[in-house]
Every structure is written in C-alpha cells, then in structure tokens.
Amino acid sequence: MPKSLRNSYSNNTPPPLMLLIPQEEWQSLHEKLDRLTDMVEKTQKGSSNCDWLESEEARKLLGISPKTWQNYRDQRLIPFSQIGRKIYVNRADLDTFLRSHRIGKK
C-alpha cells in the first residue's frame, strides 16, 4: 500500500478491503439484495397499516361469534375505538388479550 494511504488511516482502523468478484455473481447478489429490500419495505408498509383492525377482522381472528364479540366489548375485555358505527381494535391489544388467556402445557 502506498505510504500516503497508510498515513490516512489511524493505527486502529484497518484500510478498506477491496474484492474482485465475477460480474455474474455481483449481479446475482445485487438482485437478491433488491428482493430483500422489497420484502422489508412491504413488511414495514403492511405492519403500519395493520396496527388497527376493523371489528369484523378482529372477531374472525379470535374465532368468536358477533354476540360474543359484543359481550367482550360490553365488558371492556379488549380496548377498542369507535368512530361513528365503525369499531377498531389495536393489534397489540388483541395480542395482549390472547397472551393473558393463554393456557400453558401441563
């Protein structure tokens, strides 16, 4: 390594490593990274839109009837928000409810 480059790095910091890889392998790696980036972005978009569930979706996730769902809301077993006639449930509140009613193994 030229002396000028050696002097630009501190004693604790190694100089950058440069590798030569075949173009086909680079393209393959680049495509995989693009797909991974797309999956992460879709997951993040999906999770931000799924923080709140509509009443029907929450009821189906719990596998309960409309009457039981109404009883849960009347008893305030699961927190919910209501805008007009629409009811929304936070996914985290549903998860908490399910965890609190979990029956462990014997």
C-alpha atoms as a PDB file:
ATOM      1  CA  MET A   1       0.000   0.000   0.000  1.00  0.00           C
ATOM      2  CA  PRO A   2       1.357   3.452  -0.816  1.00  0.00           C
ATOM      3  CA  LYS A   3       2.686   5.451   2.101  1.00  0.00           C
ATOM      4  CA  SER A   4       0.140   8.250   1.507  1.00  0.00           C
ATOM      5  CA  LEU A   5      -2.759   5.819   2.001  1.00  0.00           C
ATOM      6  CA  ARG A   6      -1.177   4.196   5.040  1.00  0.00           C
ATOM      7  CA  ASN A   7      -0.854   7.576   6.723  1.00  0.00           C
ATOM      8  CA  SER A   8      -4.523   8.432   6.131  1.00  0.00           C
ATOM      9  CA  TYR A   9      -5.720   5.619   8.431  1.00  0.00           C
ATOM     10  CA  SER A  10      -5.219   5.569  12.166  1.00  0.00           C
ATOM     11  CA  ASN A  11      -3.343   2.691  13.750  1.00  0.00           C
ATOM     12  CA  ASN A  12      -6.624   1.190  14.991  1.00  0.00           C
ATOM     13  CA  THR A  13      -8.561   1.414  11.729  1.00  0.00           C
ATOM     14  CA  PRO A  14      -7.680  -1.062   9.037  1.00  0.00           C
ATOM     15  CA  PRO A  15      -7.731   0.153   5.442  1.00  0.00           C
ATOM     16  CA  PRO A  16     -10.814  -0.772   3.400  1.00  0.00           C
ATOM     17  CA  LEU A  17     -10.825  -4.187   1.808  1.00  0.00           C
ATOM     18  CA  MET A  18     -11.429  -4.402  -1.923  1.00  0.00           C
ATOM     19  CA  LEU A  19     -12.559  -7.606  -3.561  1.00  0.00           C
ATOM     20  CA  LEU A  20     -12.899  -8.617  -7.174  1.00  0.00           C
ATOM     21  CA  ILE A  21     -15.864 -10.832  -7.929  1.00  0.00           C
ATOM     22  CA  PRO A  22     -17.210 -12.018 -11.254  1.00  0.00           C
ATOM     23  CA  GLN A  23     -19.884  -9.791 -12.752  1.00  0.00           C
ATOM     24  CA  GLU A  24     -22.467 -12.620 -12.810  1.00  0.00           C
ATOM     25  CA  GLU A  25     -22.051 -13.215  -9.087  1.00  0.00           C
ATOM     26  CA  TRP A  26     -22.284  -9.472  -8.408  1.00  0.00           C
ATOM     27  CA  GLN A  27     -25.494  -9.229 -10.439  1.00  0.00           C
ATOM     28  CA  SER A  28     -26.967 -12.238  -8.638  1.00  0.00           C
ATOM     29  CA  LEU A  29     -26.107 -10.739  -5.254  1.00  0.00           C
ATOM     30  CA  HIS A  30     -27.492  -7.369  -6.311  1.00  0.00           C
ATOM     31  CA  GLU A  31     -30.802  -8.958  -7.414  1.00  0.00           C
ATOM     32  CA  LYS A  32     -31.103 -10.829  -4.116  1.00  0.00           C
ATOM     33  CA  LEU A  33     -30.493  -7.629  -2.176  1.00  0.00           C
ATOM     34  CA  ASP A  34     -33.144  -5.844  -4.264  1.00  0.00           C
ATOM     35  CA  ARG A  35     -35.673  -8.605  -3.497  1.00  0.00           C
ATOM     36  CA  LEU A  36     -34.800  -8.496   0.192  1.00  0.00           C
ATOM     37  CA  THR A  37     -35.189  -4.711   0.236  1.00  0.00           C
ATOM     38  CA  ASP A  38     -38.596  -5.032  -1.434  1.00  0.00           C
ATOM     39  CA  MET A  39     -39.725  -7.628   1.112  1.00  0.00           C
ATOM     40  CA  VAL A  40     -38.619  -5.455   4.049  1.00  0.00           C
ATOM     41  CA  GLU A  41     -40.375  -2.407   2.612  1.00  0.00           C
ATOM     42  CA  LYS A  42     -43.597  -4.371   2.022  1.00  0.00           C
ATOM     43  CA  THR A  43     -43.447  -5.770   5.545  1.00  0.00           C
ATOM     44  CA  GLN A  44     -42.963  -2.310   7.029  1.00  0.00           C
ATOM     45  CA  LYS A  45     -45.800  -0.857   4.959  1.00  0.00           C
ATOM     46  CA  GLY A  46     -48.050  -3.773   5.852  1.00  0.00           C
ATOM     47  CA  SER A  47     -47.331  -3.563   9.559  1.00  0.00           C
ATOM     48  CA  SER A  48     -48.012   0.176   9.750  1.00  0.00           C
ATOM     49  CA  ASN A  49     -51.377  -0.348   8.027  1.00  0.00           C
ATOM     50  CA  CYS A  50     -52.239  -3.308  10.259  1.00  0.00           C
ATOM     51  CA  ASP A  51     -51.855  -1.637  13.646  1.00  0.00           C
ATOM     52  CA  TRP A  52     -55.625  -1.212  13.738  1.00  0.00           C
ATOM     53  CA  LEU A  53     -58.096  -3.876  12.696  1.00  0.00           C
ATOM     54  CA  GLU A  54     -61.733  -3.446  11.892  1.00  0.00           C
ATOM     55  CA  SER A  55     -64.165  -5.177  14.221  1.00  0.00           C
ATOM     56  CA  GLU A  56     -65.031  -7.978  11.805  1.00  0.00           C
ATOM     57  CA  GLU A  57     -61.385  -8.870  11.196  1.00  0.00           C
ATOM     58  CA  ALA A  58     -60.632  -8.892  14.937  1.00  0.00           C
ATOM     59  CA  ARG A  59     -63.640 -11.117  15.596  1.00  0.00           C
ATOM     60  CA  LYS A  60     -62.562 -13.577  12.899  1.00  0.00           C
ATOM     61  CA  LEU A  61     -59.010 -13.666  14.255  1.00  0.00           C
ATOM     62  CA  LEU A  62     -60.382 -14.595  17.656  1.00  0.00           C
ATOM     63  CA  GLY A  63     -62.795 -17.087  16.143  1.00  0.00           C
ATOM     64  CA  ILE A  64     -65.801 -15.806  18.057  1.00  0.00           C
ATOM     65  CA  SER A  65     -69.394 -15.028  17.148  1.00  0.00           C
ATOM     66  CA  PRO A  66     -70.724 -11.492  16.725  1.00  0.00           C
ATOM     67  CA  LYS A  67     -72.633 -11.833  20.027  1.00  0.00           C
ATOM     68  CA  THR A  68     -69.508 -12.937  21.928  1.00  0.00           C
ATOM     69  CA  TRP A  69     -67.602 -10.056  20.345  1.00  0.00           C
ATOM     70  CA  GLN A  70     -70.308  -7.674  21.516  1.00  0.00           C
ATOM     71  CA  ASN A  71     -70.086  -9.147  25.047  1.00  0.00           C
ATOM     72  CA  TYR A  72     -66.276  -8.678  25.063  1.00  0.00           C
ATOM     73  CA  ARG A  73     -66.735  -5.035  24.120  1.00  0.00           C
ATOM     74  CA  ASP A  74     -69.545  -4.505  26.654  1.00  0.00           C
ATOM     75  CA  GLN A  75     -67.346  -5.994  29.395  1.00  0.00           C
ATOM     76  CA  ARG A  76     -64.360  -3.961  28.148  1.00  0.00           C
ATOM     77  CA  LEU A  77     -62.231  -7.124  27.903  1.00  0.00           C
ATOM     78  CA  ILE A  78     -60.437  -5.735  24.847  1.00  0.00           C
ATOM     79  CA  PRO A  79     -59.912  -1.989  24.395  1.00  0.00           C
ATOM     80  CA  PHE A  80     -61.398  -0.565  21.195  1.00  0.00           C
ATOM     81  CA  SER A  81     -62.015   2.701  19.411  1.00  0.00           C
ATOM     82  CA  GLN A  82     -65.277   3.694  17.824  1.00  0.00           C
ATOM     83  CA  ILE A  83     -65.772   6.274  15.113  1.00  0.00           C
ATOM     84  CA  GLY A  84     -69.431   6.555  14.217  1.00  0.00           C
ATOM     85  CA  ARG A  85     -70.570   2.973  13.865  1.00  0.00           C
ATOM     86  CA  LYS A  86     -67.113   1.654  12.952  1.00  0.00           C
ATOM     87  CA  ILE A  87     -65.174  -0.189  15.643  1.00  0.00           C
ATOM     88  CA  TYR A  88     -61.400  -0.603  15.531  1.00  0.00           C
ATOM     89  CA  VAL A  89     -59.130  -2.730  17.686  1.00  0.00           C
ATOM     90  CA  ASN A  90     -55.401  -2.283  18.109  1.00  0.00           C
ATOM     91  CA  ARG A  91     -53.488  -5.417  17.127  1.00  0.00           C
ATOM     92  CA  ALA A  92     -51.265  -5.086  20.215  1.00  0.00           C
ATOM     93  CA  ASP A  93     -54.369  -5.114  22.451  1.00  0.00           C
ATOM     94  CA  LEU A  94     -55.577  -8.296  20.762  1.00  0.00           C
ATOM     95  CA  ASP A  95     -52.158  -9.891  21.263  1.00  0.00           C
ATOM     96  CA  THR A  96     -52.206  -8.894  24.940  1.00  0.00           C
ATOM     97  CA  PHE A  97     -55.688 -10.358  25.354  1.00  0.00           C
ATOM     98  CA  LEU A  98     -54.635 -13.628  23.718  1.00  0.00           C
ATOM     99  CA  ARG A  99     -51.487 -13.863  25.864  1.00  0.00           C
ATOM    100  CA  SER A 100     -53.450 -13.236  29.052  1.00  0.00           C
ATOM    101  CA  HIS A 101     -55.821 -16.094  28.161  1.00  0.00           C
ATOM    102  CA  ARG A 102     -53.108 -18.495  27.115  1.00  0.00           C
ATOM    103  CA  ILE A 103     -53.271 -21.946  28.629  1.00  0.00           C
ATOM    104  CA  GLY A 104     -49.813 -23.434  29.031  1.00  0.00           C
ATOM    105  CA  LYS A 105     -48.810 -27.046  28.705  1.00  0.00           C
ATOM    106  CA  LYS A 106     -49.154 -29.445  31.637  1.00  0.00           C
END
